[in-house]
N, C-alpha and C. Protein backbone atom coordinates (compact mmCIF):
# COMPACT_ATOMS: atom_id res chain seq x y z
N UNK A 1 143.94 -107.32 -74.36
CA UNK A 1 143.51 -105.95 -74.34
C UNK A 1 142.88 -105.61 -75.70
N UNK A 2 141.72 -104.95 -75.66
CA UNK A 2 141.02 -104.58 -76.89
C UNK A 2 140.89 -103.07 -76.96
N UNK A 3 140.81 -102.57 -78.16
CA UNK A 3 140.55 -101.16 -78.40
C UNK A 3 139.15 -101.01 -78.97
N UNK A 4 138.49 -99.95 -78.59
CA UNK A 4 137.17 -99.67 -79.16
C UNK A 4 137.08 -98.17 -79.45
N UNK A 5 136.17 -97.85 -80.31
CA UNK A 5 135.97 -96.46 -80.72
C UNK A 5 134.90 -95.83 -79.85
N UNK A 6 135.19 -94.66 -79.35
CA UNK A 6 134.21 -93.91 -78.57
C UNK A 6 133.93 -92.61 -79.30
N UNK A 7 132.68 -92.38 -79.60
CA UNK A 7 132.28 -91.13 -80.24
C UNK A 7 131.73 -90.20 -79.17
N UNK A 8 132.28 -89.01 -79.10
CA UNK A 8 131.79 -88.02 -78.14
C UNK A 8 131.37 -86.78 -78.91
N UNK A 9 130.40 -86.13 -78.38
CA UNK A 9 129.94 -84.89 -79.02
C UNK A 9 128.89 -84.22 -78.16
N UNK A 10 128.57 -83.03 -78.53
CA UNK A 10 127.54 -82.30 -77.81
C UNK A 10 126.17 -82.78 -78.25
N UNK A 11 125.26 -82.85 -77.33
CA UNK A 11 123.89 -83.16 -77.68
C UNK A 11 123.08 -81.89 -77.52
N UNK A 12 122.03 -81.75 -78.30
CA UNK A 12 121.18 -80.57 -78.14
C UNK A 12 120.54 -80.57 -76.75
N UNK A 13 120.39 -79.39 -76.20
CA UNK A 13 119.70 -79.27 -74.93
C UNK A 13 118.24 -79.66 -75.11
N UNK A 14 117.69 -80.35 -74.14
CA UNK A 14 116.26 -80.68 -74.18
C UNK A 14 115.52 -79.50 -73.56
N UNK A 15 114.63 -78.91 -74.35
CA UNK A 15 113.93 -77.71 -73.92
C UNK A 15 112.43 -77.90 -74.09
N UNK A 16 111.68 -77.54 -73.08
CA UNK A 16 110.22 -77.53 -73.16
C UNK A 16 109.79 -76.07 -73.31
N UNK A 17 109.10 -75.78 -74.40
CA UNK A 17 108.61 -74.42 -74.66
C UNK A 17 107.13 -74.39 -74.32
N UNK A 18 106.77 -73.61 -73.32
CA UNK A 18 105.38 -73.49 -72.89
C UNK A 18 104.77 -72.31 -73.63
N UNK A 19 103.66 -72.55 -74.33
CA UNK A 19 103.02 -71.51 -75.12
C UNK A 19 101.52 -71.47 -74.85
N UNK A 20 100.89 -70.40 -75.29
CA UNK A 20 99.46 -70.19 -75.08
C UNK A 20 98.66 -71.19 -75.92
N UNK A 21 97.91 -72.05 -75.26
CA UNK A 21 97.11 -73.05 -75.96
C UNK A 21 95.66 -72.65 -76.10
N UNK A 22 95.40 -71.36 -76.09
CA UNK A 22 94.03 -70.85 -76.19
C UNK A 22 93.52 -70.85 -77.62
N UNK A 23 92.69 -69.87 -77.94
CA UNK A 23 92.02 -69.80 -79.24
C UNK A 23 92.98 -69.78 -80.42
N UNK A 24 94.10 -69.08 -80.31
CA UNK A 24 95.05 -68.96 -81.43
C UNK A 24 96.26 -69.87 -81.22
N UNK A 25 96.05 -71.04 -80.66
CA UNK A 25 97.15 -71.94 -80.33
C UNK A 25 97.98 -72.32 -81.54
N UNK A 26 97.36 -72.45 -82.70
CA UNK A 26 98.08 -72.85 -83.91
C UNK A 26 99.15 -71.83 -84.27
N UNK A 27 98.80 -70.56 -84.18
CA UNK A 27 99.77 -69.51 -84.48
C UNK A 27 100.93 -69.54 -83.50
N UNK A 28 100.62 -69.67 -82.19
CA UNK A 28 101.68 -69.64 -81.18
C UNK A 28 102.57 -70.88 -81.30
N UNK A 29 102.00 -72.02 -81.64
CA UNK A 29 102.80 -73.24 -81.82
C UNK A 29 103.75 -73.09 -83.01
N UNK A 30 103.26 -72.52 -84.10
CA UNK A 30 104.12 -72.31 -85.28
C UNK A 30 105.23 -71.32 -84.97
N UNK A 31 104.91 -70.26 -84.23
CA UNK A 31 105.94 -69.27 -83.85
C UNK A 31 107.00 -69.92 -82.96
N UNK A 32 106.57 -70.75 -82.01
CA UNK A 32 107.51 -71.43 -81.13
C UNK A 32 108.39 -72.40 -81.91
N UNK A 33 107.80 -73.13 -82.87
CA UNK A 33 108.59 -74.04 -83.71
C UNK A 33 109.59 -73.27 -84.56
N UNK A 34 109.18 -72.12 -85.09
CA UNK A 34 110.08 -71.29 -85.89
C UNK A 34 111.28 -70.86 -85.06
N UNK A 35 111.02 -70.38 -83.85
CA UNK A 35 112.12 -69.94 -83.00
C UNK A 35 113.00 -71.11 -82.55
N UNK A 36 112.39 -72.26 -82.27
CA UNK A 36 113.17 -73.44 -81.88
C UNK A 36 114.06 -73.91 -83.03
N UNK A 37 113.57 -73.76 -84.26
CA UNK A 37 114.34 -74.16 -85.42
C UNK A 37 115.61 -73.37 -85.62
N UNK A 38 115.70 -72.21 -85.01
CA UNK A 38 116.90 -71.39 -85.13
C UNK A 38 118.01 -71.86 -84.18
N UNK A 39 117.66 -72.74 -83.22
CA UNK A 39 118.63 -73.23 -82.25
C UNK A 39 118.74 -74.74 -82.41
N UNK A 40 119.91 -75.24 -82.68
CA UNK A 40 120.17 -76.67 -82.87
C UNK A 40 119.29 -77.28 -83.95
N UNK A 41 118.79 -76.47 -84.86
CA UNK A 41 117.92 -76.98 -85.91
C UNK A 41 116.58 -77.48 -85.40
N UNK A 42 116.23 -77.09 -84.17
CA UNK A 42 114.97 -77.50 -83.58
C UNK A 42 115.02 -78.82 -82.85
N UNK A 43 116.20 -79.48 -82.87
CA UNK A 43 116.32 -80.78 -82.18
C UNK A 43 116.27 -80.59 -80.67
N UNK A 44 115.57 -81.46 -80.00
CA UNK A 44 115.53 -81.44 -78.55
C UNK A 44 114.48 -80.53 -77.96
N UNK A 45 113.55 -80.05 -78.76
CA UNK A 45 112.53 -79.14 -78.26
C UNK A 45 111.17 -79.84 -78.20
N UNK A 46 110.42 -79.54 -77.15
CA UNK A 46 109.06 -80.05 -77.02
C UNK A 46 108.14 -78.86 -76.77
N UNK A 47 107.00 -78.85 -77.43
CA UNK A 47 106.03 -77.77 -77.24
C UNK A 47 104.97 -78.21 -76.23
N UNK A 48 104.71 -77.34 -75.27
CA UNK A 48 103.76 -77.65 -74.20
C UNK A 48 102.74 -76.52 -74.13
N UNK A 49 101.49 -76.77 -74.53
CA UNK A 49 100.47 -75.71 -74.46
C UNK A 49 99.92 -75.55 -73.05
N UNK A 50 99.54 -74.33 -72.74
CA UNK A 50 98.86 -74.07 -71.47
C UNK A 50 97.58 -73.30 -71.76
N UNK A 51 96.65 -73.38 -70.85
CA UNK A 51 95.40 -72.60 -70.94
C UNK A 51 95.28 -71.82 -69.65
N UNK A 52 95.33 -70.50 -69.78
CA UNK A 52 95.28 -69.59 -68.62
C UNK A 52 96.33 -69.96 -67.58
N UNK A 53 97.51 -70.34 -68.06
CA UNK A 53 98.62 -70.65 -67.17
C UNK A 53 98.63 -72.05 -66.59
N UNK A 54 97.68 -72.90 -67.00
CA UNK A 54 97.58 -74.25 -66.46
C UNK A 54 97.88 -75.27 -67.56
N UNK A 55 98.84 -76.15 -67.28
CA UNK A 55 99.20 -77.22 -68.21
C UNK A 55 98.48 -78.49 -67.81
N UNK A 56 97.93 -79.20 -68.79
CA UNK A 56 97.22 -80.45 -68.54
C UNK A 56 98.13 -81.43 -67.78
N UNK A 57 97.59 -82.12 -66.75
CA UNK A 57 98.40 -83.06 -65.97
C UNK A 57 99.06 -84.16 -66.80
N UNK A 58 98.41 -84.60 -67.86
CA UNK A 58 99.01 -85.63 -68.73
C UNK A 58 100.26 -85.09 -69.40
N UNK A 59 100.20 -83.83 -69.85
CA UNK A 59 101.38 -83.23 -70.47
C UNK A 59 102.48 -83.00 -69.46
N UNK A 60 102.11 -82.69 -68.22
CA UNK A 60 103.13 -82.53 -67.17
C UNK A 60 103.87 -83.84 -66.92
N UNK A 61 103.12 -84.96 -66.93
CA UNK A 61 103.77 -86.26 -66.76
C UNK A 61 104.68 -86.57 -67.95
N UNK A 62 104.25 -86.20 -69.15
CA UNK A 62 105.08 -86.42 -70.34
C UNK A 62 106.35 -85.58 -70.25
N UNK A 63 106.22 -84.36 -69.77
CA UNK A 63 107.40 -83.49 -69.61
C UNK A 63 108.36 -84.07 -68.58
N UNK A 64 107.81 -84.63 -67.52
CA UNK A 64 108.66 -85.25 -66.49
C UNK A 64 109.45 -86.41 -67.10
N UNK A 65 108.81 -87.19 -67.95
CA UNK A 65 109.49 -88.31 -68.61
C UNK A 65 110.53 -87.80 -69.63
N UNK A 66 110.22 -86.70 -70.30
CA UNK A 66 111.14 -86.10 -71.28
C UNK A 66 112.37 -85.53 -70.57
N UNK A 67 112.22 -85.09 -69.34
CA UNK A 67 113.30 -84.57 -68.51
C UNK A 67 114.05 -83.42 -69.19
N UNK A 68 113.37 -82.29 -69.44
CA UNK A 68 114.03 -81.20 -70.14
C UNK A 68 115.12 -80.55 -69.29
N UNK A 69 116.15 -80.06 -69.97
CA UNK A 69 117.20 -79.30 -69.30
C UNK A 69 116.71 -77.91 -68.95
N UNK A 70 115.84 -77.37 -69.80
CA UNK A 70 115.31 -76.02 -69.61
C UNK A 70 113.81 -76.01 -69.90
N UNK A 71 113.10 -75.16 -69.19
CA UNK A 71 111.68 -74.90 -69.47
C UNK A 71 111.57 -73.41 -69.69
N UNK A 72 111.08 -73.03 -70.88
CA UNK A 72 110.97 -71.60 -71.21
C UNK A 72 109.54 -71.27 -71.58
N UNK A 73 109.17 -70.04 -71.31
CA UNK A 73 107.83 -69.55 -71.66
C UNK A 73 107.95 -68.74 -72.95
N UNK A 74 107.11 -69.08 -73.91
CA UNK A 74 107.09 -68.33 -75.18
C UNK A 74 106.24 -67.08 -74.96
N UNK A 75 106.82 -65.93 -75.21
CA UNK A 75 106.09 -64.68 -75.01
C UNK A 75 105.71 -64.05 -76.35
N UNK A 76 104.69 -63.23 -76.32
CA UNK A 76 104.18 -62.59 -77.54
C UNK A 76 104.87 -61.25 -77.74
N UNK A 77 104.98 -60.87 -79.00
CA UNK A 77 105.45 -59.52 -79.30
C UNK A 77 104.26 -58.56 -79.18
N UNK A 78 104.55 -57.28 -79.10
CA UNK A 78 103.47 -56.29 -79.00
C UNK A 78 102.60 -56.34 -80.26
N UNK A 79 103.22 -56.50 -81.43
CA UNK A 79 102.47 -56.58 -82.67
C UNK A 79 101.52 -57.76 -82.71
N UNK A 80 101.99 -58.92 -82.25
CA UNK A 80 101.13 -60.11 -82.22
C UNK A 80 100.00 -59.93 -81.21
N UNK A 81 100.32 -59.37 -80.08
CA UNK A 81 99.30 -59.15 -79.05
C UNK A 81 98.21 -58.21 -79.58
N UNK A 82 98.62 -57.14 -80.25
CA UNK A 82 97.64 -56.19 -80.81
C UNK A 82 96.79 -56.84 -81.90
N UNK A 83 97.41 -57.74 -82.69
CA UNK A 83 96.68 -58.39 -83.78
C UNK A 83 95.62 -59.36 -83.25
N UNK A 84 96.01 -60.20 -82.27
CA UNK A 84 95.10 -61.24 -81.80
C UNK A 84 94.18 -60.79 -80.67
N UNK A 85 94.54 -59.71 -79.99
CA UNK A 85 93.71 -59.21 -78.90
C UNK A 85 93.43 -57.73 -79.16
N UNK A 86 92.95 -57.43 -80.36
CA UNK A 86 92.76 -56.03 -80.74
C UNK A 86 91.80 -55.34 -79.77
N UNK A 87 92.16 -54.12 -79.41
CA UNK A 87 91.35 -53.32 -78.52
C UNK A 87 91.67 -53.50 -77.05
N UNK A 88 92.43 -54.53 -76.70
CA UNK A 88 92.73 -54.75 -75.28
C UNK A 88 94.10 -54.19 -74.89
N UNK A 89 94.87 -53.76 -75.86
CA UNK A 89 96.20 -53.21 -75.58
C UNK A 89 96.21 -51.77 -76.05
N UNK A 90 96.16 -50.84 -75.11
CA UNK A 90 96.09 -49.42 -75.45
C UNK A 90 97.34 -48.74 -74.91
N UNK A 91 98.02 -47.98 -75.78
CA UNK A 91 99.20 -47.23 -75.40
C UNK A 91 98.83 -45.76 -75.33
N UNK A 92 99.24 -45.11 -74.24
CA UNK A 92 98.93 -43.71 -74.04
C UNK A 92 100.16 -42.84 -74.21
N UNK A 93 99.95 -41.62 -74.70
CA UNK A 93 101.08 -40.67 -74.81
C UNK A 93 101.31 -40.00 -73.46
N UNK A 94 102.23 -39.04 -73.44
CA UNK A 94 102.59 -38.37 -72.18
C UNK A 94 101.45 -37.59 -71.55
N UNK A 95 100.51 -37.12 -72.39
CA UNK A 95 99.39 -36.34 -71.84
C UNK A 95 98.19 -37.23 -71.48
N UNK A 96 98.31 -38.55 -71.64
CA UNK A 96 97.24 -39.45 -71.25
C UNK A 96 96.26 -39.78 -72.35
N UNK A 97 96.50 -39.33 -73.57
CA UNK A 97 95.62 -39.65 -74.71
C UNK A 97 96.05 -40.96 -75.35
N UNK A 98 95.09 -41.80 -75.74
CA UNK A 98 95.47 -43.07 -76.39
C UNK A 98 96.08 -42.82 -77.77
N UNK A 99 97.14 -43.57 -78.06
CA UNK A 99 97.78 -43.48 -79.37
C UNK A 99 97.04 -44.37 -80.36
N UNK A 100 97.00 -43.94 -81.60
CA UNK A 100 96.36 -44.73 -82.66
C UNK A 100 97.36 -44.99 -83.76
N UNK A 101 97.05 -45.98 -84.59
CA UNK A 101 97.90 -46.26 -85.74
C UNK A 101 99.00 -47.22 -85.47
C-alpha cells in the first residue's frame, strides 16, 4: 500500500467576455480586462469581440475549445456611451425637452 499527496483547491471559473469589437474596440477590451482583473486576478477569462452582435466563426470555435463556464456580455456605462457615440444618446426631462450638460 502506498500513500500519495493530493492537492485540491478551487480553480477560477472560465469566463468568455463578449465585447464590442467595432471602432473603439481597444477601449472596450481594456475595460473588460480591468473588470476581469478584479475577479480571480483575471485568471480564466477570455475576451471575445463581436461586430454588430456577430462573433467571427473562428473565435466561436476557439471558445468551444476553451469550454467556458460562463459567457457574459460587457455592457457600456452611460458616460462611455455618450463619450464614444456623442449626439446619439439624448435624455429628455419630464416636459419633453432634451437635457444638456
